[in-house]
């Protein structure tokens, strides 16, 4: 049974990997039935998500973590990112669900206004 510590380790490893542009390492931590639900897109396969995550990682110029909350099979991260796009700074909240030690769902919440108008 996963613990808060193992949840923290998996989520932090995932987050550090995508920030470093190591998308294959990040996506190796995802469950086969992974889903990502966002403010503007939903991704229902690892391959589809990996492409979007790689594109996002390339435009992040700075990330400042605000809060990290961990439970037995869930975690919530809140952080600010500076983007090399007209969107500029964006605050993001992500809620993770883990199944059998892998990330099965990420709900990503952010203000999508700038993404829709740029």
N, C-alpha and C. Protein backbone atom coordinates (compact mmCIF):
# COMPACT_ATOMS: atom_id res chain seq x y z
N UNK A 1 0.84 -1.18 0.00
CA UNK A 1 0.00 0.00 0.00
C UNK A 1 0.89 1.25 0.00
N UNK A 2 0.62 2.19 -0.92
CA UNK A 2 1.42 3.41 -0.96
C UNK A 2 1.29 4.21 0.33
N UNK A 3 2.33 4.91 0.65
CA UNK A 3 2.31 5.78 1.82
C UNK A 3 2.46 7.21 1.35
N UNK A 4 2.29 8.13 2.27
CA UNK A 4 2.49 9.54 1.96
C UNK A 4 3.90 9.77 1.45
N UNK A 5 4.88 9.07 2.04
CA UNK A 5 6.27 9.23 1.61
C UNK A 5 6.47 8.74 0.18
N UNK A 6 5.93 7.59 -0.17
CA UNK A 6 6.11 7.09 -1.53
C UNK A 6 5.36 7.97 -2.53
N UNK A 7 4.21 8.49 -2.15
CA UNK A 7 3.48 9.42 -3.02
C UNK A 7 4.33 10.65 -3.26
N UNK A 8 4.91 11.19 -2.22
CA UNK A 8 5.79 12.36 -2.33
C UNK A 8 6.95 12.06 -3.27
N UNK A 9 7.58 10.90 -3.10
CA UNK A 9 8.73 10.54 -3.93
C UNK A 9 8.35 10.45 -5.41
N UNK A 10 7.23 9.81 -5.72
CA UNK A 10 6.80 9.65 -7.10
C UNK A 10 6.47 11.01 -7.72
N UNK A 11 5.68 11.81 -7.02
CA UNK A 11 5.26 13.11 -7.56
C UNK A 11 6.47 14.04 -7.72
N UNK A 12 7.34 14.07 -6.74
CA UNK A 12 8.52 14.93 -6.86
C UNK A 12 9.44 14.46 -7.98
N UNK A 13 9.62 13.15 -8.13
CA UNK A 13 10.46 12.64 -9.22
C UNK A 13 9.85 13.03 -10.57
N UNK A 14 8.56 12.87 -10.71
CA UNK A 14 7.86 13.25 -11.94
C UNK A 14 8.07 14.75 -12.23
N UNK A 15 7.84 15.57 -11.22
CA UNK A 15 7.89 17.02 -11.40
C UNK A 15 9.30 17.49 -11.73
N UNK A 16 10.29 16.96 -11.05
CA UNK A 16 11.68 17.33 -11.33
C UNK A 16 12.09 16.86 -12.73
N UNK A 17 11.62 15.69 -13.13
CA UNK A 17 11.99 15.16 -14.45
C UNK A 17 11.46 16.04 -15.58
N UNK A 18 10.17 16.41 -15.52
CA UNK A 18 9.67 17.22 -16.64
C UNK A 18 10.30 18.60 -16.65
N UNK A 19 10.60 19.15 -15.46
CA UNK A 19 11.26 20.45 -15.42
C UNK A 19 12.64 20.40 -16.08
N UNK A 20 13.31 19.26 -15.96
CA UNK A 20 14.63 19.07 -16.56
C UNK A 20 14.54 18.67 -18.03
N UNK A 21 13.32 18.58 -18.56
CA UNK A 21 13.14 18.18 -19.94
C UNK A 21 13.26 16.68 -20.17
N UNK A 22 13.26 15.93 -19.09
CA UNK A 22 13.38 14.47 -19.16
C UNK A 22 11.97 13.86 -19.22
N UNK A 23 11.33 14.02 -20.35
CA UNK A 23 9.93 13.65 -20.50
C UNK A 23 9.75 12.14 -20.39
N UNK A 24 10.65 11.36 -20.95
CA UNK A 24 10.55 9.89 -20.85
C UNK A 24 10.61 9.43 -19.39
N UNK A 25 11.47 10.06 -18.60
CA UNK A 25 11.56 9.73 -17.18
C UNK A 25 10.27 10.09 -16.47
N UNK A 26 9.73 11.27 -16.78
CA UNK A 26 8.47 11.72 -16.16
C UNK A 26 7.32 10.78 -16.53
N UNK A 27 7.20 10.45 -17.81
CA UNK A 27 6.05 9.64 -18.23
C UNK A 27 6.19 8.17 -17.81
N UNK A 28 7.38 7.73 -17.47
CA UNK A 28 7.55 6.37 -16.94
C UNK A 28 6.86 6.22 -15.58
N UNK A 29 6.54 7.32 -14.94
CA UNK A 29 5.88 7.31 -13.63
C UNK A 29 4.37 7.35 -13.75
N UNK A 30 3.85 7.32 -14.98
CA UNK A 30 2.41 7.39 -15.22
C UNK A 30 1.82 5.99 -15.38
N UNK A 31 0.61 5.82 -14.88
CA UNK A 31 -0.11 4.55 -15.02
C UNK A 31 -0.56 4.36 -16.47
N UNK A 32 -0.72 3.12 -16.91
CA UNK A 32 -1.13 2.86 -18.30
C UNK A 32 -2.43 3.56 -18.70
N UNK A 33 -3.36 3.72 -17.76
CA UNK A 33 -4.65 4.36 -18.07
C UNK A 33 -4.65 5.84 -17.66
N UNK A 34 -3.49 6.47 -17.67
CA UNK A 34 -3.31 7.86 -17.25
C UNK A 34 -4.26 8.82 -17.98
N UNK A 35 -4.74 9.82 -17.23
CA UNK A 35 -5.56 10.89 -17.77
C UNK A 35 -5.09 12.21 -17.18
N UNK A 36 -5.02 13.25 -18.02
CA UNK A 36 -4.73 14.61 -17.56
C UNK A 36 -5.88 15.50 -18.02
N UNK A 37 -6.51 16.15 -17.06
CA UNK A 37 -7.62 17.06 -17.32
C UNK A 37 -7.14 18.46 -17.02
N UNK A 38 -7.25 19.38 -18.01
CA UNK A 38 -6.75 20.74 -17.81
C UNK A 38 -7.85 21.75 -18.10
N UNK A 39 -7.51 23.01 -17.91
CA UNK A 39 -8.45 24.09 -18.16
C UNK A 39 -8.78 24.27 -19.64
N UNK A 40 -7.92 23.76 -20.54
CA UNK A 40 -8.20 23.94 -21.97
C UNK A 40 -8.11 22.65 -22.79
N UNK A 41 -7.45 21.60 -22.28
CA UNK A 41 -7.31 20.34 -23.01
C UNK A 41 -7.40 19.18 -22.03
N UNK A 42 -7.80 18.03 -22.55
CA UNK A 42 -7.74 16.79 -21.78
C UNK A 42 -6.88 15.81 -22.57
N UNK A 43 -6.08 15.02 -21.86
CA UNK A 43 -5.22 14.04 -22.49
C UNK A 43 -5.55 12.67 -21.90
N UNK A 44 -5.81 11.71 -22.79
CA UNK A 44 -6.25 10.39 -22.34
C UNK A 44 -5.28 9.27 -22.71
N UNK A 45 -4.06 9.66 -23.10
CA UNK A 45 -3.02 8.65 -23.34
C UNK A 45 -1.68 9.25 -22.95
N UNK A 46 -0.76 8.37 -22.59
CA UNK A 46 0.57 8.83 -22.20
C UNK A 46 1.28 9.48 -23.39
N UNK A 47 1.14 8.91 -24.57
CA UNK A 47 1.82 9.46 -25.75
C UNK A 47 1.34 10.88 -26.06
N UNK A 48 0.05 11.08 -26.01
CA UNK A 48 -0.55 12.40 -26.26
C UNK A 48 -0.08 13.40 -25.20
N UNK A 49 -0.09 12.97 -23.96
CA UNK A 49 0.33 13.83 -22.86
C UNK A 49 1.82 14.15 -22.94
N UNK A 50 2.64 13.15 -23.28
CA UNK A 50 4.09 13.35 -23.35
C UNK A 50 4.44 14.44 -24.35
N UNK A 51 3.76 14.46 -25.47
CA UNK A 51 4.02 15.49 -26.47
C UNK A 51 3.69 16.88 -25.91
N UNK A 52 2.53 17.01 -25.28
CA UNK A 52 2.14 18.30 -24.71
C UNK A 52 3.06 18.72 -23.57
N UNK A 53 3.43 17.77 -22.72
CA UNK A 53 4.33 18.07 -21.60
C UNK A 53 5.68 18.54 -22.10
N UNK A 54 6.19 17.90 -23.13
CA UNK A 54 7.48 18.31 -23.71
C UNK A 54 7.43 19.72 -24.26
N UNK A 55 6.34 20.06 -24.93
CA UNK A 55 6.18 21.41 -25.46
C UNK A 55 6.10 22.42 -24.32
N UNK A 56 5.37 22.08 -23.28
CA UNK A 56 5.25 22.98 -22.13
C UNK A 56 6.60 23.17 -21.44
N UNK A 57 7.32 22.07 -21.22
CA UNK A 57 8.62 22.15 -20.53
C UNK A 57 9.58 23.07 -21.27
N UNK A 58 9.51 23.09 -22.59
CA UNK A 58 10.42 23.92 -23.39
C UNK A 58 10.15 25.42 -23.24
N UNK A 59 8.93 25.81 -22.84
CA UNK A 59 8.64 27.25 -22.72
C UNK A 59 8.69 27.76 -21.29
N UNK A 60 8.89 26.86 -20.32
CA UNK A 60 9.02 27.29 -18.92
C UNK A 60 10.44 27.81 -18.70
N UNK A 61 10.54 29.07 -18.27
CA UNK A 61 11.86 29.64 -18.00
C UNK A 61 12.18 29.69 -16.51
N UNK A 62 11.14 29.60 -15.69
CA UNK A 62 11.35 29.64 -14.23
C UNK A 62 10.12 29.04 -13.57
N UNK A 63 10.33 28.31 -12.48
CA UNK A 63 9.23 27.74 -11.72
C UNK A 63 9.48 28.01 -10.24
N UNK A 64 8.47 28.53 -9.58
CA UNK A 64 8.55 28.79 -8.14
C UNK A 64 7.43 28.04 -7.44
N UNK A 65 7.82 27.04 -6.64
CA UNK A 65 6.85 26.24 -5.91
C UNK A 65 6.25 27.08 -4.77
N UNK A 66 4.94 27.05 -4.65
CA UNK A 66 4.24 27.77 -3.59
C UNK A 66 3.84 26.81 -2.47
N UNK A 67 3.29 25.65 -2.86
CA UNK A 67 2.81 24.71 -1.85
C UNK A 67 2.84 23.29 -2.39
N UNK A 68 3.15 22.35 -1.48
CA UNK A 68 3.12 20.93 -1.79
C UNK A 68 2.38 20.23 -0.66
N UNK A 69 1.32 19.52 -1.01
CA UNK A 69 0.53 18.79 -0.02
C UNK A 69 0.47 17.33 -0.45
N UNK A 70 0.76 16.41 0.48
CA UNK A 70 0.83 15.00 0.13
C UNK A 70 -0.04 14.18 1.06
N UNK A 71 -0.72 13.20 0.49
CA UNK A 71 -1.50 12.22 1.23
C UNK A 71 -1.09 10.83 0.79
N UNK A 72 -1.87 9.84 1.19
CA UNK A 72 -1.52 8.45 0.92
C UNK A 72 -1.49 8.12 -0.58
N UNK A 73 -2.46 8.56 -1.34
CA UNK A 73 -2.52 8.28 -2.77
C UNK A 73 -2.83 9.53 -3.57
N UNK A 74 -2.53 10.68 -3.01
CA UNK A 74 -2.82 11.93 -3.69
C UNK A 74 -1.84 13.02 -3.27
N UNK A 75 -1.74 14.01 -4.14
CA UNK A 75 -0.87 15.16 -3.85
C UNK A 75 -1.44 16.37 -4.58
N UNK A 76 -1.16 17.54 -4.05
CA UNK A 76 -1.53 18.79 -4.71
C UNK A 76 -0.32 19.71 -4.68
N UNK A 77 0.04 20.22 -5.87
CA UNK A 77 1.13 21.18 -6.00
C UNK A 77 0.55 22.48 -6.54
N UNK A 78 1.01 23.58 -5.98
CA UNK A 78 0.65 24.90 -6.48
C UNK A 78 1.95 25.63 -6.75
N UNK A 79 2.08 26.17 -7.97
CA UNK A 79 3.32 26.83 -8.33
C UNK A 79 3.09 27.89 -9.39
N UNK A 80 4.04 28.82 -9.48
CA UNK A 80 4.04 29.84 -10.52
C UNK A 80 5.09 29.45 -11.55
N UNK A 81 4.75 29.64 -12.82
CA UNK A 81 5.73 29.44 -13.88
C UNK A 81 5.84 30.72 -14.68
N UNK A 82 7.05 31.03 -15.09
CA UNK A 82 7.30 32.11 -16.04
C UNK A 82 7.49 31.43 -17.38
N UNK A 83 6.74 31.90 -18.38
CA UNK A 83 6.75 31.25 -19.69
C UNK A 83 7.35 32.17 -20.74
N UNK A 84 8.08 31.58 -21.65
CA UNK A 84 8.68 32.33 -22.77
C UNK A 84 7.65 32.49 -23.87
N UNK A 85 6.50 33.02 -23.51
CA UNK A 85 5.39 33.27 -24.43
C UNK A 85 4.71 34.56 -24.00
N UNK A 86 3.81 35.10 -24.81
CA UNK A 86 3.06 36.28 -24.38
C UNK A 86 2.22 36.05 -23.12
N UNK A 87 1.94 34.79 -22.78
CA UNK A 87 1.19 34.50 -21.56
C UNK A 87 1.95 35.01 -20.34
N UNK A 88 3.28 34.90 -20.36
CA UNK A 88 4.11 35.38 -19.25
C UNK A 88 4.01 34.49 -18.03
N UNK A 89 3.60 35.06 -16.90
CA UNK A 89 3.52 34.32 -15.65
C UNK A 89 2.15 33.65 -15.53
N UNK A 90 2.18 32.42 -15.03
CA UNK A 90 0.94 31.68 -14.83
C UNK A 90 1.01 30.91 -13.52
N UNK A 91 -0.07 30.92 -12.77
CA UNK A 91 -0.16 30.14 -11.53
C UNK A 91 -0.90 28.85 -11.86
N UNK A 92 -0.34 27.74 -11.40
CA UNK A 92 -0.88 26.42 -11.72
C UNK A 92 -1.11 25.64 -10.43
N UNK A 93 -2.24 24.96 -10.38
CA UNK A 93 -2.54 24.00 -9.31
C UNK A 93 -2.72 22.64 -9.97
N UNK A 94 -2.04 21.64 -9.43
CA UNK A 94 -2.16 20.29 -9.96
C UNK A 94 -2.54 19.34 -8.84
N UNK A 95 -3.55 18.52 -9.10
CA UNK A 95 -3.93 17.49 -8.15
C UNK A 95 -3.62 16.13 -8.77
N UNK A 96 -2.85 15.32 -8.06
CA UNK A 96 -2.40 14.01 -8.53
C UNK A 96 -3.14 12.91 -7.78
N UNK A 97 -3.54 11.88 -8.50
CA UNK A 97 -4.05 10.64 -7.91
C UNK A 97 -3.10 9.53 -8.34
N UNK A 98 -2.74 8.67 -7.39
CA UNK A 98 -1.87 7.54 -7.68
C UNK A 98 -2.62 6.24 -7.52
N UNK A 99 -2.31 5.29 -8.41
CA UNK A 99 -2.85 3.94 -8.35
C UNK A 99 -1.69 2.98 -8.49
N UNK A 100 -1.55 2.10 -7.53
CA UNK A 100 -0.46 1.10 -7.55
C UNK A 100 0.91 1.76 -7.73
N UNK A 101 1.12 2.91 -7.08
CA UNK A 101 2.41 3.58 -7.09
C UNK A 101 2.72 4.38 -8.34
N UNK A 102 1.75 4.51 -9.25
CA UNK A 102 1.93 5.29 -10.48
C UNK A 102 0.89 6.40 -10.51
N UNK A 103 1.21 7.48 -11.20
CA UNK A 103 0.29 8.61 -11.33
C UNK A 103 -0.79 8.23 -12.34
N UNK A 104 -2.04 8.16 -11.88
CA UNK A 104 -3.13 7.76 -12.76
C UNK A 104 -3.91 8.95 -13.30
N UNK A 105 -3.97 10.04 -12.53
CA UNK A 105 -4.70 11.23 -12.96
C UNK A 105 -3.98 12.48 -12.46
N UNK A 106 -3.91 13.47 -13.33
CA UNK A 106 -3.49 14.81 -12.92
C UNK A 106 -4.58 15.76 -13.39
N UNK A 107 -5.12 16.52 -12.46
CA UNK A 107 -6.04 17.60 -12.79
C UNK A 107 -5.22 18.88 -12.69
N UNK A 108 -5.12 19.60 -13.80
CA UNK A 108 -4.31 20.81 -13.88
C UNK A 108 -5.24 22.01 -14.02
N UNK A 109 -5.14 22.93 -13.06
CA UNK A 109 -6.02 24.10 -13.04
C UNK A 109 -5.17 25.35 -13.17
N UNK A 110 -5.53 26.21 -14.13
CA UNK A 110 -4.84 27.47 -14.33
C UNK A 110 -5.77 28.42 -15.06
N UNK A 111 -5.46 29.71 -15.00
CA UNK A 111 -6.23 30.70 -15.73
C UNK A 111 -5.88 30.58 -17.21
N UNK A 112 -6.84 30.13 -18.00
CA UNK A 112 -6.60 29.87 -19.42
C UNK A 112 -6.84 31.08 -20.32
N UNK A 113 -7.20 32.21 -19.74
CA UNK A 113 -7.52 33.40 -20.54
C UNK A 113 -6.39 33.74 -21.51
N UNK A 114 -5.19 33.85 -21.03
CA UNK A 114 -4.05 34.20 -21.87
C UNK A 114 -3.76 33.19 -22.95
N UNK A 115 -4.03 31.93 -22.68
CA UNK A 115 -3.79 30.88 -23.67
C UNK A 115 -4.80 30.96 -24.81
N UNK A 116 -5.99 31.40 -24.51
CA UNK A 116 -7.05 31.46 -25.53
C UNK A 116 -6.93 32.67 -26.41
N UNK A 117 -6.33 33.77 -25.91
CA UNK A 117 -6.28 35.02 -26.67
C UNK A 117 -4.94 35.28 -27.33
N UNK A 118 -3.94 34.49 -27.05
CA UNK A 118 -2.59 34.72 -27.60
C UNK A 118 -2.37 33.86 -28.81
